[in-house]
């Protein structure tokens, strides 16, 4: 029985060592990468809802905890606010009518409220 346990332990050790000898990554590959902003970054800018146009996945709408609704037309590389004129900025749901992608539904009020959130005001 001890020989079996020792054999299993040896096998697991060899597997672990083989894993450590896996693919090597050249650090110079990452030298050209630069950080970038990819959406709303203000206080309470947590994304709480997201939907995309099926026929054109580059069009994405996101709802934020207290920052309204944002739209991207370039697959999420940049976003533009589209809900600034409304009475409420807390969004809990976003849905696109896929038959008419110009029709966007926003459910206001965040489902996971925190200390920096405002309440909803309907759809």
N, C-alpha and C. Protein backbone atom coordinates (compact mmCIF):
# COMPACT_ATOMS: atom_id res chain seq x y z
N UNK A 1 0.82 -1.18 0.00
CA UNK A 1 0.00 0.00 0.00
C UNK A 1 0.87 1.25 0.00
N UNK A 2 1.97 1.26 0.79
CA UNK A 2 2.87 2.40 0.82
C UNK A 2 3.54 2.62 -0.52
N UNK A 3 3.88 1.51 -1.21
CA UNK A 3 4.51 1.63 -2.52
C UNK A 3 3.54 2.27 -3.51
N UNK A 4 2.25 1.95 -3.41
CA UNK A 4 1.25 2.52 -4.28
C UNK A 4 1.13 4.03 -4.03
N UNK A 5 1.08 4.44 -2.77
CA UNK A 5 1.00 5.86 -2.43
C UNK A 5 2.24 6.60 -2.92
N UNK A 6 3.41 5.99 -2.75
CA UNK A 6 4.65 6.60 -3.21
C UNK A 6 4.67 6.72 -4.72
N UNK A 7 4.17 5.70 -5.42
CA UNK A 7 4.11 5.74 -6.89
C UNK A 7 3.17 6.84 -7.36
N UNK A 8 2.02 6.96 -6.73
CA UNK A 8 1.06 8.01 -7.09
C UNK A 8 1.65 9.39 -6.82
N UNK A 9 2.30 9.55 -5.67
CA UNK A 9 2.91 10.84 -5.34
C UNK A 9 4.02 11.18 -6.34
N UNK A 10 4.81 10.19 -6.72
CA UNK A 10 5.88 10.42 -7.70
C UNK A 10 5.29 10.82 -9.06
N UNK A 11 4.22 10.16 -9.46
CA UNK A 11 3.58 10.48 -10.73
C UNK A 11 3.02 11.91 -10.70
N UNK A 12 2.36 12.28 -9.61
CA UNK A 12 1.83 13.64 -9.50
C UNK A 12 2.95 14.68 -9.52
N UNK A 13 4.06 14.38 -8.88
CA UNK A 13 5.21 15.29 -8.89
C UNK A 13 5.75 15.46 -10.30
N UNK A 14 5.88 14.37 -11.04
CA UNK A 14 6.36 14.45 -12.42
C UNK A 14 5.40 15.24 -13.31
N UNK A 15 4.12 15.04 -13.12
CA UNK A 15 3.13 15.81 -13.90
C UNK A 15 3.26 17.29 -13.57
N UNK A 16 3.41 17.61 -12.29
CA UNK A 16 3.57 19.00 -11.87
C UNK A 16 4.82 19.63 -12.45
N UNK A 17 5.93 18.89 -12.45
CA UNK A 17 7.17 19.41 -13.02
C UNK A 17 7.05 19.59 -14.53
N UNK A 18 6.37 18.67 -15.18
CA UNK A 18 6.18 18.79 -16.63
C UNK A 18 5.36 20.03 -16.94
N UNK A 19 4.38 20.33 -16.09
CA UNK A 19 3.55 21.53 -16.27
C UNK A 19 4.40 22.80 -16.15
N UNK A 20 5.36 22.79 -15.25
CA UNK A 20 6.23 23.96 -15.08
C UNK A 20 7.14 24.17 -16.28
N UNK A 21 7.35 23.15 -17.06
CA UNK A 21 8.20 23.24 -18.23
C UNK A 21 7.38 23.54 -19.49
N UNK A 22 6.18 24.07 -19.33
CA UNK A 22 5.28 24.35 -20.44
C UNK A 22 5.78 25.45 -21.35
N UNK A 23 4.87 25.99 -22.12
CA UNK A 23 5.18 26.99 -23.13
C UNK A 23 5.88 28.21 -22.53
N UNK A 24 6.93 28.63 -23.16
CA UNK A 24 7.66 29.82 -22.75
C UNK A 24 7.12 31.03 -23.51
N UNK A 25 6.90 32.13 -22.81
CA UNK A 25 6.39 33.35 -23.44
C UNK A 25 7.49 34.39 -23.46
N UNK A 26 7.72 34.94 -24.62
CA UNK A 26 8.72 35.98 -24.79
C UNK A 26 8.17 37.30 -24.25
N UNK A 27 8.75 37.87 -23.19
CA UNK A 27 8.24 39.12 -22.61
C UNK A 27 8.23 40.29 -23.59
N UNK A 28 9.06 40.26 -24.61
CA UNK A 28 9.08 41.37 -25.57
C UNK A 28 7.77 41.46 -26.34
N UNK A 29 7.00 40.37 -26.35
CA UNK A 29 5.70 40.37 -27.01
C UNK A 29 4.78 41.44 -26.41
N UNK A 30 4.92 41.73 -25.13
CA UNK A 30 4.03 42.65 -24.44
C UNK A 30 4.54 44.09 -24.41
N UNK A 31 5.73 44.35 -24.92
CA UNK A 31 6.32 45.69 -24.82
C UNK A 31 5.51 46.76 -25.53
N UNK A 32 4.84 46.43 -26.61
CA UNK A 32 4.10 47.43 -27.38
C UNK A 32 2.69 47.68 -26.83
N UNK A 33 2.25 46.87 -25.88
CA UNK A 33 0.90 47.04 -25.34
C UNK A 33 0.84 48.28 -24.46
N UNK A 34 -0.20 49.07 -24.65
CA UNK A 34 -0.44 50.27 -23.86
C UNK A 34 -1.82 50.18 -23.22
N UNK A 35 -2.01 50.70 -22.00
CA UNK A 35 -3.34 50.70 -21.40
C UNK A 35 -4.26 51.65 -22.16
N UNK A 36 -5.56 51.35 -22.14
CA UNK A 36 -6.52 52.21 -22.81
C UNK A 36 -7.85 52.18 -22.06
N UNK A 37 -8.61 53.25 -22.17
CA UNK A 37 -9.94 53.31 -21.59
C UNK A 37 -10.90 52.63 -22.55
N UNK A 38 -11.80 51.81 -22.01
CA UNK A 38 -12.74 51.10 -22.88
C UNK A 38 -14.18 51.30 -22.45
N UNK A 39 -14.47 52.38 -21.79
CA UNK A 39 -15.86 52.63 -21.41
C UNK A 39 -15.95 53.65 -20.30
N UNK A 40 -17.13 53.78 -19.75
CA UNK A 40 -17.30 54.78 -18.69
C UNK A 40 -16.43 54.46 -17.50
N UNK A 41 -15.78 55.49 -16.95
CA UNK A 41 -14.85 55.25 -15.85
C UNK A 41 -15.12 56.14 -14.65
N UNK A 42 -16.23 56.85 -14.63
CA UNK A 42 -16.54 57.72 -13.50
C UNK A 42 -17.00 56.94 -12.29
N UNK A 43 -17.15 57.64 -11.17
CA UNK A 43 -17.66 57.05 -9.94
C UNK A 43 -18.98 56.34 -10.23
N UNK A 44 -19.12 55.16 -9.76
CA UNK A 44 -20.31 54.34 -9.94
C UNK A 44 -20.54 53.97 -11.39
N UNK A 45 -19.50 53.86 -12.18
CA UNK A 45 -19.62 53.50 -13.58
C UNK A 45 -19.66 52.01 -13.83
N UNK A 46 -20.08 51.25 -12.83
CA UNK A 46 -20.14 49.80 -12.99
C UNK A 46 -21.14 49.42 -14.07
N UNK A 47 -20.76 48.50 -14.94
CA UNK A 47 -21.67 48.01 -15.97
C UNK A 47 -22.63 47.02 -15.31
N UNK A 48 -23.93 47.28 -15.45
CA UNK A 48 -24.94 46.43 -14.83
C UNK A 48 -25.78 45.68 -15.86
N UNK A 49 -25.70 46.10 -17.13
CA UNK A 49 -26.48 45.44 -18.19
C UNK A 49 -25.77 45.65 -19.52
N UNK A 50 -25.94 44.68 -20.41
CA UNK A 50 -25.30 44.79 -21.72
C UNK A 50 -26.14 44.05 -22.75
N UNK A 51 -26.20 44.60 -23.96
CA UNK A 51 -26.86 43.92 -25.09
C UNK A 51 -26.19 44.40 -26.36
N UNK A 52 -26.26 43.59 -27.40
CA UNK A 52 -25.65 43.92 -28.69
C UNK A 52 -26.64 43.61 -29.81
N UNK A 53 -26.48 44.29 -30.91
CA UNK A 53 -27.31 44.03 -32.08
C UNK A 53 -26.79 42.76 -32.75
N UNK A 54 -27.63 41.76 -32.87
CA UNK A 54 -27.21 40.47 -33.42
C UNK A 54 -26.72 40.63 -34.86
N UNK A 55 -27.43 41.42 -35.65
CA UNK A 55 -27.06 41.60 -37.06
C UNK A 55 -25.79 42.43 -37.23
N UNK A 56 -25.41 43.19 -36.22
CA UNK A 56 -24.19 44.01 -36.27
C UNK A 56 -23.59 44.07 -34.87
N UNK A 57 -22.79 43.05 -34.48
CA UNK A 57 -22.27 42.97 -33.12
C UNK A 57 -21.32 44.09 -32.74
N UNK A 58 -20.98 44.96 -33.67
CA UNK A 58 -20.19 46.14 -33.31
C UNK A 58 -21.01 47.17 -32.56
N UNK A 59 -22.34 47.05 -32.64
CA UNK A 59 -23.22 47.98 -31.91
C UNK A 59 -23.59 47.34 -30.58
N UNK A 60 -23.11 47.97 -29.52
CA UNK A 60 -23.28 47.46 -28.16
C UNK A 60 -23.87 48.56 -27.30
N UNK A 61 -24.82 48.20 -26.45
CA UNK A 61 -25.38 49.12 -25.48
C UNK A 61 -25.08 48.58 -24.09
N UNK A 62 -24.65 49.47 -23.19
CA UNK A 62 -24.44 49.04 -21.81
C UNK A 62 -25.20 49.98 -20.89
N UNK A 63 -25.70 49.42 -19.81
CA UNK A 63 -26.31 50.21 -18.75
C UNK A 63 -25.35 50.22 -17.58
N UNK A 64 -25.29 51.34 -16.88
CA UNK A 64 -24.36 51.45 -15.76
C UNK A 64 -25.11 51.72 -14.46
N UNK A 65 -24.45 51.45 -13.36
CA UNK A 65 -25.08 51.57 -12.05
C UNK A 65 -25.62 52.97 -11.78
N UNK A 66 -24.90 53.98 -12.15
CA UNK A 66 -25.37 55.35 -11.93
C UNK A 66 -24.86 56.27 -13.02
N UNK A 67 -24.65 55.73 -14.22
CA UNK A 67 -24.11 56.55 -15.30
C UNK A 67 -24.92 56.50 -16.57
N UNK A 68 -26.14 55.95 -16.52
CA UNK A 68 -26.99 55.93 -17.68
C UNK A 68 -26.67 54.82 -18.65
N UNK A 69 -27.07 55.05 -19.92
CA UNK A 69 -26.87 54.08 -21.00
C UNK A 69 -25.81 54.63 -21.94
N UNK A 70 -24.94 53.74 -22.39
CA UNK A 70 -23.85 54.09 -23.30
C UNK A 70 -23.94 53.22 -24.54
N UNK A 71 -23.50 53.78 -25.69
CA UNK A 71 -23.55 53.05 -26.95
C UNK A 71 -22.16 53.01 -27.58
N UNK A 72 -21.83 51.85 -28.14
CA UNK A 72 -20.60 51.69 -28.91
C UNK A 72 -20.97 51.25 -30.31
N UNK A 73 -20.33 51.82 -31.29
CA UNK A 73 -20.55 51.39 -32.69
C UNK A 73 -19.29 50.72 -33.25
N UNK A 74 -18.28 50.54 -32.39
CA UNK A 74 -17.02 49.94 -32.86
C UNK A 74 -16.61 48.74 -32.01
N UNK A 75 -17.59 47.96 -31.60
CA UNK A 75 -17.30 46.73 -30.87
C UNK A 75 -16.78 46.94 -29.47
N UNK A 76 -17.03 48.09 -28.87
CA UNK A 76 -16.62 48.34 -27.49
C UNK A 76 -15.31 49.08 -27.34
N UNK A 77 -14.72 49.54 -28.43
CA UNK A 77 -13.47 50.31 -28.32
C UNK A 77 -13.72 51.68 -27.71
N UNK A 78 -14.88 52.26 -27.98
CA UNK A 78 -15.26 53.53 -27.36
C UNK A 78 -16.77 53.55 -27.17
N UNK A 79 -17.22 54.36 -26.23
CA UNK A 79 -18.64 54.46 -25.90
C UNK A 79 -19.05 55.92 -25.85
N UNK A 80 -20.32 56.18 -26.18
CA UNK A 80 -20.90 57.51 -26.13
C UNK A 80 -22.14 57.45 -25.24
N UNK A 81 -22.31 58.41 -24.32
CA UNK A 81 -23.51 58.39 -23.49
C UNK A 81 -24.74 58.78 -24.31
N UNK A 82 -25.86 58.05 -24.11
CA UNK A 82 -27.07 58.35 -24.86
C UNK A 82 -28.28 58.53 -23.95
N UNK A 83 -28.06 58.65 -22.65
CA UNK A 83 -29.17 58.69 -21.69
C UNK A 83 -29.08 59.92 -20.79
N UNK A 84 -28.26 60.88 -21.15
CA UNK A 84 -27.99 62.02 -20.28
C UNK A 84 -29.19 62.93 -20.06
N UNK A 85 -30.17 62.95 -20.95
CA UNK A 85 -31.32 63.85 -20.82
C UNK A 85 -32.45 63.26 -19.98
N UNK A 86 -32.29 62.04 -19.51
CA UNK A 86 -33.36 61.39 -18.75
C UNK A 86 -33.31 61.79 -17.28
N UNK A 87 -34.39 61.50 -16.56
CA UNK A 87 -34.53 61.91 -15.16
C UNK A 87 -33.77 61.02 -14.18
N UNK A 88 -33.29 59.88 -14.65
CA UNK A 88 -32.63 58.92 -13.78
C UNK A 88 -31.39 58.37 -14.49
N UNK A 89 -30.39 58.02 -13.73
CA UNK A 89 -29.17 57.50 -14.35
C UNK A 89 -28.83 56.07 -13.93
N UNK A 90 -29.57 55.51 -13.01
CA UNK A 90 -29.32 54.15 -12.54
C UNK A 90 -30.02 53.15 -13.46
N UNK A 91 -29.24 52.27 -14.09
CA UNK A 91 -29.77 51.32 -15.06
C UNK A 91 -29.56 49.89 -14.56
N UNK A 92 -30.62 49.08 -14.64
CA UNK A 92 -30.52 47.68 -14.23
C UNK A 92 -30.68 46.70 -15.37
N UNK A 93 -31.23 47.16 -16.50
CA UNK A 93 -31.43 46.27 -17.64
C UNK A 93 -31.41 47.07 -18.94
N UNK A 94 -30.87 46.48 -19.99
CA UNK A 94 -30.87 47.05 -21.34
C UNK A 94 -31.28 45.94 -22.29
N UNK A 95 -32.22 46.24 -23.19
CA UNK A 95 -32.65 45.24 -24.17
C UNK A 95 -32.87 45.91 -25.51
N UNK A 96 -32.39 45.29 -26.56
CA UNK A 96 -32.56 45.78 -27.93
C UNK A 96 -33.66 44.97 -28.59
N UNK A 97 -34.57 45.65 -29.28
CA UNK A 97 -35.54 44.95 -30.12
C UNK A 97 -34.77 44.52 -31.37
N UNK A 98 -34.44 43.25 -31.47
CA UNK A 98 -33.61 42.76 -32.57
C UNK A 98 -34.31 42.89 -33.93
N UNK A 99 -35.65 42.98 -33.93
CA UNK A 99 -36.39 43.18 -35.18
C UNK A 99 -36.30 44.64 -35.63
N UNK A 100 -36.08 45.55 -34.68
CA UNK A 100 -35.94 46.99 -34.96
C UNK A 100 -34.86 47.52 -34.02
N UNK A 101 -33.57 47.38 -34.36
CA UNK A 101 -32.47 47.73 -33.45
C UNK A 101 -32.43 49.20 -33.04
N UNK A 102 -33.25 50.04 -33.65
CA UNK A 102 -33.33 51.44 -33.22
C UNK A 102 -34.14 51.57 -31.94
N UNK A 103 -34.85 50.51 -31.56
CA UNK A 103 -35.68 50.51 -30.35
C UNK A 103 -34.91 49.85 -29.21
N UNK A 104 -34.55 50.67 -28.22
CA UNK A 104 -33.78 50.21 -27.07
C UNK A 104 -34.62 50.39 -25.82
N UNK A 105 -34.68 49.38 -24.99
CA UNK A 105 -35.41 49.44 -23.73
C UNK A 105 -34.40 49.51 -22.59
N UNK A 106 -34.62 50.43 -21.67
CA UNK A 106 -33.75 50.56 -20.50
C UNK A 106 -34.60 50.46 -19.24
N UNK A 107 -34.30 49.47 -18.45
CA UNK A 107 -34.96 49.31 -17.15
C UNK A 107 -34.12 50.04 -16.11
N UNK A 108 -34.71 51.06 -15.50
CA UNK A 108 -33.94 51.86 -14.55
C UNK A 108 -33.98 51.25 -13.16
N UNK A 109 -33.00 51.60 -12.37
CA UNK A 109 -32.85 51.05 -11.03
C UNK A 109 -31.90 49.86 -11.07
N UNK A 110 -30.88 49.91 -10.26
CA UNK A 110 -29.87 48.86 -10.26
C UNK A 110 -30.32 47.68 -9.40
N UNK A 111 -30.08 46.47 -9.89
CA UNK A 111 -30.46 45.27 -9.16
C UNK A 111 -29.55 44.94 -7.99
N UNK A 112 -28.33 45.46 -7.98
CA UNK A 112 -27.37 45.23 -6.90
C UNK A 112 -26.93 46.57 -6.33
N UNK A 113 -27.81 47.25 -5.60
CA UNK A 113 -27.49 48.61 -5.15
C UNK A 113 -26.33 48.65 -4.16
N UNK A 114 -25.61 49.77 -4.23
CA UNK A 114 -24.51 50.05 -3.30
C UNK A 114 -24.77 51.42 -2.69
N UNK A 115 -23.82 51.93 -1.96
CA UNK A 115 -23.99 53.21 -1.29
C UNK A 115 -23.99 54.40 -2.25
N UNK A 116 -23.63 54.20 -3.50
CA UNK A 116 -23.54 55.32 -4.46
C UNK A 116 -24.55 55.20 -5.59
N UNK A 117 -25.66 54.55 -5.37
CA UNK A 117 -26.61 54.32 -6.44
C UNK A 117 -27.91 55.10 -6.20
N UNK A 118 -28.55 55.48 -7.29
CA UNK A 118 -29.87 56.11 -7.17
C UNK A 118 -30.93 55.11 -7.58
N UNK A 119 -32.17 55.35 -7.16
CA UNK A 119 -33.23 54.41 -7.46
C UNK A 119 -33.72 54.57 -8.89
N UNK A 120 -34.52 53.63 -9.33
CA UNK A 120 -35.04 53.64 -10.69
C UNK A 120 -36.28 54.47 -10.85
N UNK A 121 -36.74 54.57 -12.11
CA UNK A 121 -37.90 55.38 -12.45
C UNK A 121 -38.73 54.69 -13.53
N UNK A 122 -38.71 53.36 -13.55
CA UNK A 122 -39.47 52.61 -14.55
C UNK A 122 -38.66 52.26 -15.78
N UNK A 123 -39.38 51.96 -16.88
CA UNK A 123 -38.72 51.59 -18.13
C UNK A 123 -38.68 52.79 -19.05
